[in-house]
Each structure stands twice: as structure tokens, then as C-alpha cells.
């Protein structure tokens, strides 16, 4: 079978020393690698949370003593009771086991929620199980869980180190490139290191890094929405209807362009401050509305009405 050369996996760090980290967190995280406390690791996507857990597993030889749960897929108390509890409470021979809960901010809260049960499980299994919770938003984790874990924020990875990492990959793959193109690519993807590497790979054509960086198809759709917002509402709706839109990502994309002074697309907004207010309100409603497309168009027409956007 032909082996796929997926750079994000081939070049994933396998040693702690090779991880791209903010230097303020490196010493304490390195100590935790050795001492194995219960941990809550949080930060934006692609900054190394899962990579660190993989390194810890390999460092301690835990491959057969790990239970991995994705909180966004298995959120309920039944998972805690039937799957996690039985694993954590089972006797272990030799090495301490590890329960790794990814996307832990998706676990249910409330008096009968899985986070409350997890609190008790951690207390009951201290002698034989280490717990690592990873998430994007630590504010969605209940205080009782936070108090039982050492907390580590992975954020703001040094852009210069990401640049060196990209150059190392391109050199190893014998790819021709221009350094300014790599810099522009990093700016588009920062702080997501994983997205940077994926985007780097997908923009290599015939052994050369293309100067015109294209991100994922999702990003192209978001860009298409932006380019049409000051032209024709009918065209905006056509784009929305033609794709499976991740509206939370679309609001974040518009916000990033509004805050990016170098972005030409931000110029479609006559009043950028008011545009951010509209985007914030629509993003807040996004999780409670029945029809997310209507919510977006409501924001868009409000922008047109108060001349936040002026149709050309």
C-alpha cells in the first residue's frame, strides 16, 4: 500500500524539546511531563495540546494504558459511567494509567452532567490514574474540575519558530520556496501550527511553493462571502445556499479581517467598529437560533440599513 506523506503527521514532534512553545510555559510543562499531575491544557486549535499528550504517552511507555475520549462525540454522563469509570477504577499493574479527554469543554455541565461525575472520578482514582483534559475554552470547565488539575495555557507560539519549522520541512522535502511567501502563509494561519503545515503542503505544486497561498476550501468560501457583501445580497445568499456553512467560523473570519489592518477586504466596511458590534451580536445568537442562515442575513441587512456596509 502506498504511504501517504502527510506533513502534519510525518513532521509532528516526538520529543518535548522539539515542540514549538511559548517559553513562559515550557519549564512548568516540562516538569509536568516528568511528574504526571492531573492536567487541564487549554488554548486555540493546532498549538500542540494533542502533540504534548502523545509525547507524554511515548515518554512513559503508556501505549497500552491509555483511554482516549473525544468530548465533542461522547459528552454524556453515560460515557463517564460506562466507559471512563470502568477503565479508571480497574486495577493497573505497574504503570499508572492515563485518561485523555480531548475537547473537554464539550462535556455536559449541571448537577447531573458528566463534568460533575468526572470531578468525583478524579478523586476516587488518584492512586492509579492520571487525567489530562484538553480544550479550547477553559471557561467552559467547571471550577471543581479546574481545582483538581494543574492548568497550562498553550498560546502565542513564537512565529519565528514556526518559520524555522516550515523551512526545515520544505528543505527536507526538497521544495523550492521564497521566504516571504512562507511568512505570508504563517500570518494567514497563526497561531494554528497544524493548519500552517497543512496549508504549506497543499500549496506545493511541482516541487515549488506557490506564491499565491490558498487556504482550505472553507476559507475560500468565507472569502467569497466577504467579497460579495458590498455588492449584491442575492449573491451573498447564493454562496450561503451553495455550501455547508460553518457560521461560527464565518463570524470569526469576518472579525479577523476587520481587525487586520493589512486586509483589503476590511475596506468593504464603512464603519468597522459598528461592523464588529453586529458580528458579535450575530455570533452570540448563532448558538440559540433555529435558522443560522436567517441570523446571518439579519446581521447583513442591519449593516446595510445603518450604512455599516455601503453597496457598490
Foldseek 3Di string as FASTA:
>chain_A
DDDDPQPLPVVQDLALVLAQFDVVQSVVLVVCLVVQAAEEEAADAQRQPVSSVNNSCVVVVAVPQEAEAECQVPAFLCCCVPPVLVSLPDDDDDAAHEYEYEQNLNHDDDPRTNLVVVLVSCVVRVVRYHYYYYHHDCVSRDPSVVVRHDYHYTFDRPLVSLLVSLVVVLVVVQAAEDSVLLSVLCVVDPPNSSQSSNQQVVQGDPRYRDSDGDGDPLVVLLVQLLVCLQADPVSNVVSVVVDDHPVLVSLVSLLVLLVDPPHPSVVQFPASVVLNVLSVVLNVCCVPDPDNSVSVVVSSVVCCVVVRGHRD
